[in-house]
Amino acid sequence: MIFLPLKPLSITKDSRPLPPQATTIAEDDELFADDPWIVAPVRADYGFNIKLGVGAFVNFNATFVDTCVVSIGARTLCGPNCSFYSGTHPLDPALRMGITGPELGKPITIGEDCWLGGNVIILPGIIIGRGCSIGAGSVVTKDIPAFHVAAGNPARIIRRIETAMDPSCSTKAVPANEAVKEGTKKVLAQGI
């Protein structure tokens, strides 16, 4: 696994020096516990328009067409083969003109605590709200509001996620470790 130590900075312009190597692998890993993880290979059009939040995870074969900023929030998990296309071209072939025509784009914003399954494609200008889950193989063509599950091609909202993290939700707030235990029980009971 390749691990790039980053805070919510762009991938190519992180000027922070690396700390000295710790004496054990576990201690060394702890030095970067809050930094994002990127598993190789990764492909980027420009590379300097990619912003990753604390603890974000991007699995192998990610593709970033980062004509505009692609922002992935803290603790968000991206499955293998996810593609983020912030760039596009004119629909009119007279304007498109092959590789000599203009490249257009809109930023992509993915909130904190999201989960994108494998082979998810995010198109230009999309905003995915906090705490969303996007099903494997989905093509996200429209914004997804916070705390929702969406899947399909094109991705459609399937249901709302009831969670103590959502301030508008009636779910009783519980301490984080209890929330994890309760959430695990709920998922296992649903067979998901």
N, C-alpha and C. Protein backbone atom coordinates (compact mmCIF):
# COMPACT_ATOMS: atom_id res chain seq x y z
N MET A 1 0.84 -1.17 0.00
CA MET A 1 0.00 0.00 0.00
C MET A 1 0.89 1.23 0.00
N ILE A 2 0.66 2.16 -0.91
CA ILE A 2 1.41 3.40 -0.93
C ILE A 2 0.64 4.42 -0.12
N PHE A 3 1.34 5.16 0.68
CA PHE A 3 0.72 6.04 1.64
C PHE A 3 1.34 7.42 1.49
N LEU A 4 0.53 8.40 1.12
CA LEU A 4 1.02 9.76 0.98
C LEU A 4 0.58 10.57 2.19
N PRO A 5 1.52 11.14 2.95
CA PRO A 5 1.14 11.91 4.13
C PRO A 5 0.62 13.29 3.75
N LEU A 6 -0.68 13.49 3.88
CA LEU A 6 -1.28 14.76 3.51
C LEU A 6 -2.33 15.19 4.52
N LYS A 7 -2.46 16.44 4.75
CA LYS A 7 -3.61 17.04 5.43
C LYS A 7 -4.51 17.53 4.30
N PRO A 8 -5.55 18.30 4.57
CA PRO A 8 -6.38 18.74 3.45
C PRO A 8 -5.65 19.76 2.57
N LEU A 9 -4.62 19.31 1.91
CA LEU A 9 -3.82 20.10 0.99
C LEU A 9 -3.86 19.43 -0.37
N SER A 10 -3.38 20.11 -1.39
CA SER A 10 -3.33 19.45 -2.68
C SER A 10 -2.23 18.39 -2.66
N ILE A 11 -2.39 17.38 -3.49
CA ILE A 11 -1.47 16.25 -3.49
C ILE A 11 -0.05 16.68 -3.87
N THR A 12 0.08 17.56 -4.83
CA THR A 12 1.42 17.88 -5.33
C THR A 12 2.08 19.07 -4.64
N LYS A 13 1.36 19.79 -3.81
CA LYS A 13 1.95 20.99 -3.21
C LYS A 13 2.00 20.93 -1.69
N ASP A 14 2.17 19.75 -1.14
CA ASP A 14 2.31 19.59 0.30
C ASP A 14 3.76 19.83 0.65
N SER A 15 4.05 20.97 1.25
CA SER A 15 5.43 21.34 1.52
C SER A 15 5.89 20.96 2.92
N ARG A 16 5.03 20.29 3.69
CA ARG A 16 5.42 19.91 5.04
C ARG A 16 6.53 18.87 4.99
N PRO A 17 7.58 19.02 5.81
CA PRO A 17 8.62 18.00 5.85
C PRO A 17 8.12 16.74 6.55
N LEU A 18 8.65 15.61 6.15
CA LEU A 18 8.30 14.37 6.83
C LEU A 18 8.97 14.32 8.19
N PRO A 19 8.30 13.75 9.20
CA PRO A 19 8.94 13.61 10.51
C PRO A 19 10.02 12.52 10.43
N PRO A 20 10.91 12.50 11.41
CA PRO A 20 11.92 11.42 11.42
C PRO A 20 11.23 10.06 11.58
N GLN A 21 11.82 9.03 11.00
CA GLN A 21 11.25 7.70 11.07
C GLN A 21 11.24 7.21 12.52
N ALA A 22 10.11 6.61 12.93
CA ALA A 22 9.99 6.06 14.28
C ALA A 22 10.74 4.73 14.36
N THR A 23 10.87 4.21 15.56
CA THR A 23 11.65 2.98 15.76
C THR A 23 10.90 1.72 15.34
N THR A 24 9.56 1.74 15.37
CA THR A 24 8.80 0.56 14.94
C THR A 24 7.82 0.96 13.85
N ILE A 25 7.34 -0.02 13.11
CA ILE A 25 6.35 0.24 12.05
C ILE A 25 5.08 0.81 12.66
N ALA A 26 4.64 0.26 13.78
CA ALA A 26 3.40 0.73 14.43
C ALA A 26 3.54 2.20 14.85
N GLU A 27 4.69 2.56 15.43
CA GLU A 27 4.91 3.95 15.82
C GLU A 27 4.98 4.85 14.60
N ASP A 28 5.60 4.35 13.53
CA ASP A 28 5.69 5.11 12.28
C ASP A 28 4.30 5.35 11.69
N ASP A 29 3.46 4.30 11.69
CA ASP A 29 2.09 4.45 11.19
C ASP A 29 1.31 5.48 12.01
N GLU A 30 1.54 5.49 13.32
CA GLU A 30 0.83 6.42 14.21
C GLU A 30 1.16 7.88 13.87
N LEU A 31 2.38 8.14 13.36
CA LEU A 31 2.75 9.50 12.97
C LEU A 31 1.83 10.05 11.89
N PHE A 32 1.27 9.16 11.07
CA PHE A 32 0.44 9.57 9.94
C PHE A 32 -1.02 9.13 10.09
N ALA A 33 -1.44 8.84 11.31
CA ALA A 33 -2.78 8.28 11.55
C ALA A 33 -3.91 9.16 11.01
N ASP A 34 -3.74 10.46 11.02
CA ASP A 34 -4.80 11.36 10.55
C ASP A 34 -4.65 11.76 9.10
N ASP A 35 -3.58 11.34 8.46
CA ASP A 35 -3.35 11.74 7.08
C ASP A 35 -4.13 10.85 6.11
N PRO A 36 -4.47 11.37 4.93
CA PRO A 36 -5.16 10.55 3.93
C PRO A 36 -4.27 9.42 3.41
N TRP A 37 -4.90 8.37 2.93
CA TRP A 37 -4.22 7.25 2.30
C TRP A 37 -4.62 7.20 0.83
N ILE A 38 -3.64 7.01 -0.03
CA ILE A 38 -3.90 6.81 -1.46
C ILE A 38 -3.16 5.54 -1.86
N VAL A 39 -3.91 4.60 -2.43
CA VAL A 39 -3.30 3.34 -2.88
C VAL A 39 -3.00 3.45 -4.37
N ALA A 40 -1.79 3.14 -4.77
CA ALA A 40 -1.38 3.20 -6.18
C ALA A 40 -1.98 2.03 -6.94
N PRO A 41 -2.16 2.17 -8.26
CA PRO A 41 -1.86 3.36 -9.04
C PRO A 41 -2.99 4.38 -8.97
N VAL A 42 -2.62 5.62 -9.21
CA VAL A 42 -3.59 6.71 -9.29
C VAL A 42 -3.23 7.52 -10.53
N ARG A 43 -4.24 8.00 -11.22
CA ARG A 43 -4.01 8.81 -12.43
C ARG A 43 -4.64 10.18 -12.20
N ALA A 44 -3.91 11.22 -12.58
CA ALA A 44 -4.43 12.58 -12.44
C ALA A 44 -4.08 13.37 -13.69
N ASP A 45 -5.03 14.19 -14.13
CA ASP A 45 -4.83 15.03 -15.30
C ASP A 45 -3.80 16.11 -15.00
N TYR A 46 -4.02 16.86 -13.93
CA TYR A 46 -3.10 17.92 -13.53
C TYR A 46 -2.42 17.60 -12.20
N GLY A 47 -3.18 17.10 -11.25
CA GLY A 47 -2.62 16.69 -9.97
C GLY A 47 -2.64 17.73 -8.88
N PHE A 48 -2.70 19.01 -9.24
CA PHE A 48 -2.65 20.05 -8.21
C PHE A 48 -4.03 20.55 -7.80
N ASN A 49 -5.09 20.02 -8.38
CA ASN A 49 -6.45 20.42 -8.02
C ASN A 49 -7.16 19.34 -7.22
N ILE A 50 -6.43 18.53 -6.49
CA ILE A 50 -7.01 17.44 -5.70
C ILE A 50 -6.78 17.77 -4.24
N LYS A 51 -7.86 17.82 -3.47
CA LYS A 51 -7.77 18.13 -2.04
C LYS A 51 -8.40 16.98 -1.25
N LEU A 52 -7.66 16.46 -0.27
CA LEU A 52 -8.12 15.33 0.53
C LEU A 52 -8.18 15.74 1.99
N GLY A 53 -9.28 15.39 2.65
CA GLY A 53 -9.45 15.70 4.07
C GLY A 53 -8.71 14.71 4.95
N VAL A 54 -8.65 15.04 6.23
CA VAL A 54 -8.00 14.21 7.23
C VAL A 54 -8.59 12.81 7.23
N GLY A 55 -7.73 11.81 7.13
CA GLY A 55 -8.18 10.42 7.21
C GLY A 55 -8.96 9.90 6.01
N ALA A 56 -8.98 10.64 4.90
CA ALA A 56 -9.65 10.15 3.69
C ALA A 56 -8.86 8.96 3.13
N PHE A 57 -9.56 8.05 2.44
CA PHE A 57 -8.93 6.87 1.85
C PHE A 57 -9.36 6.75 0.40
N VAL A 58 -8.39 6.69 -0.51
CA VAL A 58 -8.65 6.52 -1.94
C VAL A 58 -7.99 5.22 -2.36
N ASN A 59 -8.79 4.24 -2.77
CA ASN A 59 -8.29 2.93 -3.14
C ASN A 59 -7.66 2.96 -4.53
N PHE A 60 -7.10 1.81 -4.96
CA PHE A 60 -6.32 1.74 -6.19
C PHE A 60 -7.13 2.06 -7.45
N ASN A 61 -6.40 2.47 -8.48
CA ASN A 61 -6.94 2.81 -9.81
C ASN A 61 -7.87 4.02 -9.80
N ALA A 62 -7.67 4.95 -8.90
CA ALA A 62 -8.46 6.19 -8.92
C ALA A 62 -8.02 7.03 -10.12
N THR A 63 -9.00 7.71 -10.72
CA THR A 63 -8.73 8.60 -11.84
C THR A 63 -9.29 9.98 -11.50
N PHE A 64 -8.44 11.00 -11.61
CA PHE A 64 -8.85 12.37 -11.34
C PHE A 64 -8.64 13.19 -12.60
N VAL A 65 -9.72 13.63 -13.24
CA VAL A 65 -9.64 14.64 -14.28
C VAL A 65 -9.89 15.94 -13.53
N ASP A 66 -8.80 16.52 -13.04
CA ASP A 66 -8.89 17.64 -12.11
C ASP A 66 -8.69 18.98 -12.81
N THR A 67 -9.50 19.20 -13.84
CA THR A 67 -9.53 20.49 -14.52
C THR A 67 -9.91 21.57 -13.51
N CYS A 68 -10.86 21.25 -12.64
CA CYS A 68 -11.26 22.09 -11.51
C CYS A 68 -10.99 21.29 -10.24
N VAL A 69 -11.14 21.93 -9.10
CA VAL A 69 -10.82 21.28 -7.83
C VAL A 69 -11.73 20.08 -7.58
N VAL A 70 -11.12 18.98 -7.16
CA VAL A 70 -11.83 17.80 -6.68
C VAL A 70 -11.50 17.71 -5.19
N SER A 71 -12.53 17.89 -4.36
CA SER A 71 -12.35 17.92 -2.91
C SER A 71 -13.05 16.72 -2.28
N ILE A 72 -12.30 15.93 -1.52
CA ILE A 72 -12.83 14.74 -0.84
C ILE A 72 -12.68 14.98 0.65
N GLY A 73 -13.81 14.93 1.38
CA GLY A 73 -13.85 15.28 2.79
C GLY A 73 -13.18 14.28 3.72
N ALA A 74 -13.01 14.71 4.95
CA ALA A 74 -12.37 13.91 5.99
C ALA A 74 -13.10 12.58 6.19
N ARG A 75 -12.33 11.54 6.39
CA ARG A 75 -12.81 10.19 6.71
C ARG A 75 -13.68 9.58 5.61
N THR A 76 -13.63 10.12 4.42
CA THR A 76 -14.37 9.55 3.30
C THR A 76 -13.59 8.39 2.72
N LEU A 77 -14.31 7.33 2.36
CA LEU A 77 -13.71 6.12 1.79
C LEU A 77 -14.11 6.01 0.32
N CYS A 78 -13.13 5.86 -0.56
CA CYS A 78 -13.38 5.69 -1.99
C CYS A 78 -12.90 4.30 -2.39
N GLY A 79 -13.80 3.48 -2.93
CA GLY A 79 -13.45 2.13 -3.35
C GLY A 79 -12.54 2.14 -4.56
N PRO A 80 -12.13 0.94 -5.00
CA PRO A 80 -11.24 0.86 -6.16
C PRO A 80 -11.92 1.35 -7.44
N ASN A 81 -11.11 1.86 -8.34
CA ASN A 81 -11.55 2.28 -9.68
C ASN A 81 -12.52 3.45 -9.68
N CYS A 82 -12.52 4.27 -8.66
CA CYS A 82 -13.40 5.45 -8.66
C CYS A 82 -12.81 6.52 -9.58
N SER A 83 -13.70 7.23 -10.27
CA SER A 83 -13.28 8.27 -11.22
C SER A 83 -13.97 9.58 -10.89
N PHE A 84 -13.19 10.64 -10.91
CA PHE A 84 -13.67 11.98 -10.58
C PHE A 84 -13.40 12.87 -11.78
N TYR A 85 -14.45 13.21 -12.53
CA TYR A 85 -14.30 13.95 -13.77
C TYR A 85 -14.79 15.39 -13.59
N SER A 86 -13.90 16.30 -13.22
CA SER A 86 -14.32 17.70 -13.09
C SER A 86 -14.21 18.43 -14.43
N GLY A 87 -13.59 17.82 -15.40
CA GLY A 87 -13.43 18.43 -16.72
C GLY A 87 -14.45 17.92 -17.71
N THR A 88 -14.74 18.73 -18.70
CA THR A 88 -15.66 18.35 -19.77
C THR A 88 -15.30 19.14 -21.03
N HIS A 89 -16.04 18.90 -22.08
CA HIS A 89 -15.81 19.57 -23.36
C HIS A 89 -17.15 20.02 -23.94
N PRO A 90 -17.15 20.98 -24.87
CA PRO A 90 -18.41 21.42 -25.49
C PRO A 90 -19.11 20.26 -26.20
N LEU A 91 -20.43 20.27 -26.17
CA LEU A 91 -21.20 19.25 -26.90
C LEU A 91 -21.16 19.49 -28.41
N ASP A 92 -21.10 20.73 -28.81
CA ASP A 92 -21.08 21.10 -30.23
C ASP A 92 -19.71 20.72 -30.81
N PRO A 93 -19.67 19.79 -31.79
CA PRO A 93 -18.38 19.37 -32.35
C PRO A 93 -17.62 20.49 -33.05
N ALA A 94 -18.35 21.51 -33.54
CA ALA A 94 -17.67 22.64 -34.18
C ALA A 94 -16.86 23.43 -33.15
N LEU A 95 -17.30 23.44 -31.91
CA LEU A 95 -16.57 24.11 -30.84
C LEU A 95 -15.54 23.18 -30.19
N ARG A 96 -15.89 21.89 -30.11
CA ARG A 96 -15.04 20.91 -29.42
C ARG A 96 -13.68 20.79 -30.09
N MET A 97 -13.65 20.64 -31.41
CA MET A 97 -12.44 20.65 -32.24
C MET A 97 -11.33 19.73 -31.74
N GLY A 98 -11.68 18.51 -31.35
CA GLY A 98 -10.66 17.55 -30.92
C GLY A 98 -9.84 18.06 -29.76
N ILE A 99 -8.53 17.83 -29.82
CA ILE A 99 -7.67 18.24 -28.71
C ILE A 99 -7.30 19.73 -28.76
N THR A 100 -7.70 20.45 -29.82
CA THR A 100 -7.38 21.87 -29.91
C THR A 100 -8.48 22.75 -29.33
N GLY A 101 -9.64 22.18 -29.04
CA GLY A 101 -10.76 22.95 -28.50
C GLY A 101 -10.64 23.20 -27.02
N PRO A 102 -11.61 23.91 -26.47
CA PRO A 102 -11.54 24.28 -25.05
C PRO A 102 -11.86 23.11 -24.11
N GLU A 103 -11.26 23.17 -22.94
CA GLU A 103 -11.59 22.25 -21.86
C GLU A 103 -12.34 23.06 -20.82
N LEU A 104 -13.50 22.60 -20.44
CA LEU A 104 -14.33 23.28 -19.46
C LEU A 104 -14.37 22.44 -18.19
N GLY A 105 -14.98 22.96 -17.15
CA GLY A 105 -15.11 22.15 -15.95
C GLY A 105 -15.86 22.84 -14.84
N LYS A 106 -16.21 22.03 -13.84
CA LYS A 106 -16.84 22.51 -12.62
C LYS A 106 -16.26 21.69 -11.47
N PRO A 107 -16.12 22.30 -10.29
CA PRO A 107 -15.53 21.56 -9.16
C PRO A 107 -16.42 20.42 -8.67
N ILE A 108 -15.79 19.43 -8.08
CA ILE A 108 -16.49 18.30 -7.44
C ILE A 108 -16.22 18.40 -5.95
N THR A 109 -17.28 18.29 -5.15
CA THR A 109 -17.14 18.35 -3.70
C THR A 109 -17.81 17.14 -3.08
N ILE A 110 -17.04 16.36 -2.35
CA ILE A 110 -17.56 15.20 -1.63
C ILE A 110 -17.37 15.48 -0.15
N GLY A 111 -18.46 15.40 0.60
CA GLY A 111 -18.44 15.76 2.01
C GLY A 111 -17.67 14.79 2.88
N GLU A 112 -17.66 15.09 4.17
CA GLU A 112 -17.00 14.24 5.15
C GLU A 112 -17.79 12.96 5.39
N ASP A 113 -17.10 11.91 5.79
CA ASP A 113 -17.71 10.66 6.25
C ASP A 113 -18.56 9.97 5.18
N CYS A 114 -18.19 10.11 3.93
CA CYS A 114 -18.91 9.43 2.84
C CYS A 114 -18.25 8.10 2.52
N TRP A 115 -18.96 7.28 1.77
CA TRP A 115 -18.43 6.00 1.30
C TRP A 115 -18.84 5.84 -0.16
N LEU A 116 -17.87 5.76 -1.04
CA LEU A 116 -18.10 5.52 -2.46
C LEU A 116 -17.66 4.10 -2.76
N GLY A 117 -18.58 3.26 -3.23
CA GLY A 117 -18.23 1.89 -3.59
C GLY A 117 -17.30 1.87 -4.80
N GLY A 118 -16.86 0.69 -5.17
CA GLY A 118 -15.97 0.55 -6.31
C GLY A 118 -16.61 0.99 -7.61
N ASN A 119 -15.80 1.50 -8.52
CA ASN A 119 -16.23 1.89 -9.87
C ASN A 119 -17.26 3.01 -9.89
N VAL A 120 -17.28 3.86 -8.89
CA VAL A 120 -18.18 5.02 -8.89
C VAL A 120 -17.58 6.10 -9.77
N ILE A 121 -18.43 6.76 -10.55
CA ILE A 121 -18.02 7.88 -11.41
C ILE A 121 -18.76 9.12 -10.94
N ILE A 122 -17.99 10.19 -10.70
CA ILE A 122 -18.56 11.48 -10.29
C ILE A 122 -18.32 12.47 -11.42
N LEU A 123 -19.39 13.10 -11.91
CA LEU A 123 -19.30 14.03 -13.03
C LEU A 123 -19.07 15.47 -12.57
N PRO A 124 -18.74 16.38 -13.50
CA PRO A 124 -18.41 17.77 -13.13
C PRO A 124 -19.54 18.46 -12.37
N GLY A 125 -19.14 19.27 -11.39
CA GLY A 125 -20.08 20.11 -10.66
C GLY A 125 -20.88 19.43 -9.57
N ILE A 126 -20.63 18.16 -9.32
CA ILE A 126 -21.42 17.39 -8.36
C ILE A 126 -21.00 17.72 -6.93
N ILE A 127 -22.01 17.81 -6.06
CA ILE A 127 -21.79 17.96 -4.62
C ILE A 127 -22.46 16.77 -3.95
N ILE A 128 -21.68 16.00 -3.20
CA ILE A 128 -22.20 14.88 -2.42
C ILE A 128 -22.11 15.31 -0.96
N GLY A 129 -23.24 15.35 -0.28
CA GLY A 129 -23.29 15.83 1.09
C GLY A 129 -22.63 14.88 2.08
N ARG A 130 -22.48 15.37 3.28
CA ARG A 130 -21.83 14.62 4.36
C ARG A 130 -22.54 13.30 4.64
N GLY A 131 -21.76 12.26 4.92
CA GLY A 131 -22.32 11.00 5.38
C GLY A 131 -23.04 10.17 4.34
N CYS A 132 -22.87 10.46 3.07
CA CYS A 132 -23.56 9.71 2.01
C CYS A 132 -22.85 8.40 1.71
N SER A 133 -23.61 7.43 1.21
CA SER A 133 -23.07 6.18 0.68
C SER A 133 -23.51 6.08 -0.77
N ILE A 134 -22.56 5.84 -1.67
CA ILE A 134 -22.85 5.73 -3.10
C ILE A 134 -22.52 4.30 -3.52
N GLY A 135 -23.53 3.61 -4.06
CA GLY A 135 -23.38 2.20 -4.43
C GLY A 135 -22.36 1.97 -5.53
N ALA A 136 -21.75 0.79 -5.50
CA ALA A 136 -20.74 0.41 -6.49
C ALA A 136 -21.29 0.52 -7.90
N GLY A 137 -20.48 1.03 -8.81
CA GLY A 137 -20.85 1.13 -10.20
C GLY A 137 -21.76 2.31 -10.53
N SER A 138 -22.04 3.16 -9.58
CA SER A 138 -22.94 4.30 -9.81
C SER A 138 -22.26 5.39 -10.62
N VAL A 139 -23.09 6.10 -11.39
CA VAL A 139 -22.64 7.29 -12.11
C VAL A 139 -23.44 8.45 -11.52
N VAL A 140 -22.75 9.33 -10.80
CA VAL A 140 -23.42 10.42 -10.09
C VAL A 140 -23.50 11.62 -11.03
N THR A 141 -24.73 11.93 -11.45
CA THR A 141 -24.98 13.01 -12.41
C THR A 141 -25.67 14.21 -11.77
N LYS A 142 -26.17 14.04 -10.54
CA LYS A 142 -26.86 15.11 -9.80
C LYS A 142 -26.39 15.11 -8.36
N ASP A 143 -26.51 16.26 -7.71
CA ASP A 143 -26.11 16.39 -6.30
C ASP A 143 -26.88 15.40 -5.43
N ILE A 144 -26.21 14.94 -4.38
CA ILE A 144 -26.82 14.03 -3.41
C ILE A 144 -26.81 14.75 -2.06
N PRO A 145 -27.98 14.93 -1.43
CA PRO A 145 -28.00 15.62 -0.14
C PRO A 145 -27.36 14.78 0.96
N ALA A 146 -26.96 15.44 2.03
CA ALA A 146 -26.28 14.79 3.14
C ALA A 146 -27.10 13.63 3.70
N PHE A 147 -26.40 12.60 4.15
CA PHE A 147 -26.96 11.44 4.82
C PHE A 147 -28.01 10.71 3.97
N HIS A 148 -27.64 10.39 2.75
CA HIS A 148 -28.50 9.60 1.85
C HIS A 148 -27.69 8.50 1.18
N VAL A 149 -28.37 7.45 0.78
CA VAL A 149 -27.79 6.37 -0.02
C VAL A 149 -28.27 6.60 -1.44
N ALA A 150 -27.35 6.53 -2.40
CA ALA A 150 -27.70 6.66 -3.81
C ALA A 150 -26.97 5.57 -4.59
N ALA A 151 -27.61 5.08 -5.64
CA ALA A 151 -26.99 4.05 -6.47
C ALA A 151 -27.63 4.04 -7.84
N GLY A 152 -26.91 3.47 -8.80
CA GLY A 152 -27.44 3.28 -10.15
C GLY A 152 -26.75 4.14 -11.18
N ASN A 153 -27.19 3.95 -12.43
CA ASN A 153 -26.69 4.72 -13.56
C ASN A 153 -27.88 5.23 -14.36
N PRO A 154 -28.25 6.50 -14.17
CA PRO A 154 -27.65 7.48 -13.26
C PRO A 154 -28.02 7.18 -11.81
N ALA A 155 -27.20 7.66 -10.89
CA ALA A 155 -27.44 7.41 -9.46
C ALA A 155 -28.74 8.09 -9.03
N ARG A 156 -29.53 7.34 -8.28
CA ARG A 156 -30.78 7.87 -7.73
C ARG A 156 -30.77 7.66 -6.23
N ILE A 157 -31.40 8.56 -5.51
CA ILE A 157 -31.47 8.43 -4.06
C ILE A 157 -32.37 7.25 -3.73
N ILE A 158 -31.85 6.36 -2.88
CA ILE A 158 -32.59 5.16 -2.47
C ILE A 158 -33.27 5.39 -1.13
N ARG A 159 -32.52 5.96 -0.19
CA ARG A 159 -33.12 6.21 1.12
C ARG A 159 -32.26 7.17 1.91
N ARG A 160 -32.83 7.67 2.98
CA ARG A 160 -32.13 8.54 3.93
C ARG A 160 -31.42 7.65 4.96
N ILE A 161 -30.27 8.11 5.43
CA ILE A 161 -29.53 7.39 6.47
C ILE A 161 -29.88 8.03 7.81
N GLU A 162 -30.48 7.25 8.69
CA GLU A 162 -30.80 7.72 10.03
C GLU A 162 -29.54 7.57 10.89
N THR A 163 -29.00 8.69 11.35
CA THR A 163 -27.77 8.66 12.12
C THR A 163 -27.73 9.79 13.13
N ALA A 164 -27.08 9.54 14.23
CA ALA A 164 -26.90 10.56 15.25
C ALA A 164 -26.00 11.69 14.76
N MET A 165 -25.26 11.47 13.65
CA MET A 165 -24.40 12.52 13.09
C MET A 165 -25.20 13.62 12.42
N ASP A 166 -26.43 13.31 12.02
CA ASP A 166 -27.28 14.26 11.31
C ASP A 166 -28.04 15.12 12.32
N PRO A 167 -27.76 16.43 12.37
CA PRO A 167 -28.43 17.28 13.35
C PRO A 167 -29.95 17.36 13.15
N SER A 168 -30.43 17.11 11.94
CA SER A 168 -31.87 17.18 11.70
C SER A 168 -32.58 15.85 11.96
N CYS A 169 -31.83 14.84 12.33
CA CYS A 169 -32.39 13.50 12.53
C CYS A 169 -32.89 13.35 13.97
N SER A 170 -33.94 12.57 14.13
CA SER A 170 -34.50 12.37 15.47
C SER A 170 -33.77 11.28 16.25
N THR A 171 -32.79 10.62 15.62
CA THR A 171 -32.03 9.58 16.30
C THR A 171 -31.31 10.18 17.49
N LYS A 172 -31.43 9.55 18.64
CA LYS A 172 -30.80 10.03 19.87
C LYS A 172 -29.28 10.01 19.72
N ALA A 173 -28.65 11.11 20.07
CA ALA A 173 -27.19 11.19 20.02
C ALA A 173 -26.59 10.27 21.09
N VAL A 174 -25.61 9.49 20.68
CA VAL A 174 -24.92 8.59 21.60
C VAL A 174 -23.42 8.80 21.44
N PRO A 175 -22.63 8.45 22.44
CA PRO A 175 -21.17 8.58 22.29
C PRO A 175 -20.68 7.80 21.08
N ALA A 176 -19.59 8.27 20.49
CA ALA A 176 -19.08 7.69 19.23
C ALA A 176 -18.89 6.19 19.31
N ASN A 177 -18.25 5.68 20.38
CA ASN A 177 -18.00 4.24 20.43
C ASN A 177 -19.30 3.45 20.55
N GLU A 178 -20.29 4.01 21.24
CA GLU A 178 -21.60 3.35 21.33
C GLU A 178 -22.32 3.40 19.97
N ALA A 179 -22.15 4.53 19.26
CA ALA A 179 -22.76 4.65 17.94
C ALA A 179 -22.20 3.60 16.99
N VAL A 180 -20.90 3.35 17.07
CA VAL A 180 -20.28 2.33 16.22
C VAL A 180 -20.86 0.96 16.55
N LYS A 181 -20.97 0.63 17.83
CA LYS A 181 -21.52 -0.67 18.24
C LYS A 181 -22.96 -0.82 17.77
N GLU A 182 -23.78 0.22 17.99
CA GLU A 182 -25.19 0.17 17.59
C GLU A 182 -25.32 0.10 16.07
N GLY A 183 -24.50 0.89 15.36
CA GLY A 183 -24.53 0.87 13.89
C GLY A 183 -24.15 -0.51 13.34
N THR A 184 -23.15 -1.13 13.94
CA THR A 184 -22.73 -2.46 13.51
C THR A 184 -23.86 -3.47 13.72
N LYS A 185 -24.51 -3.40 14.86
CA LYS A 185 -25.64 -4.29 15.13
C LYS A 185 -26.75 -4.10 14.10
N LYS A 186 -27.04 -2.83 13.78
CA LYS A 186 -28.10 -2.50 12.83
C LYS A 186 -27.78 -3.07 11.44
N VAL A 187 -26.53 -2.87 11.00
CA VAL A 187 -26.10 -3.36 9.68
C VAL A 187 -26.18 -4.89 9.63
N LEU A 188 -25.69 -5.55 10.67
CA LEU A 188 -25.72 -7.01 10.68
C LEU A 188 -27.16 -7.53 10.69
N ALA A 189 -28.04 -6.84 11.39
CA ALA A 189 -29.45 -7.24 11.44
C ALA A 189 -30.12 -7.08 10.08
N GLN A 190 -29.70 -6.06 9.30
CA GLN A 190 -30.28 -5.82 7.99
C GLN A 190 -29.68 -6.73 6.91
N GLY A 191 -28.58 -7.37 7.25
CA GLY A 191 -27.93 -8.24 6.27
C GLY A 191 -27.21 -7.49 5.18
N ILE A 192 -26.80 -6.26 5.45
CA ILE A 192 -26.10 -5.44 4.45
C ILE A 192 -24.61 -5.56 4.66
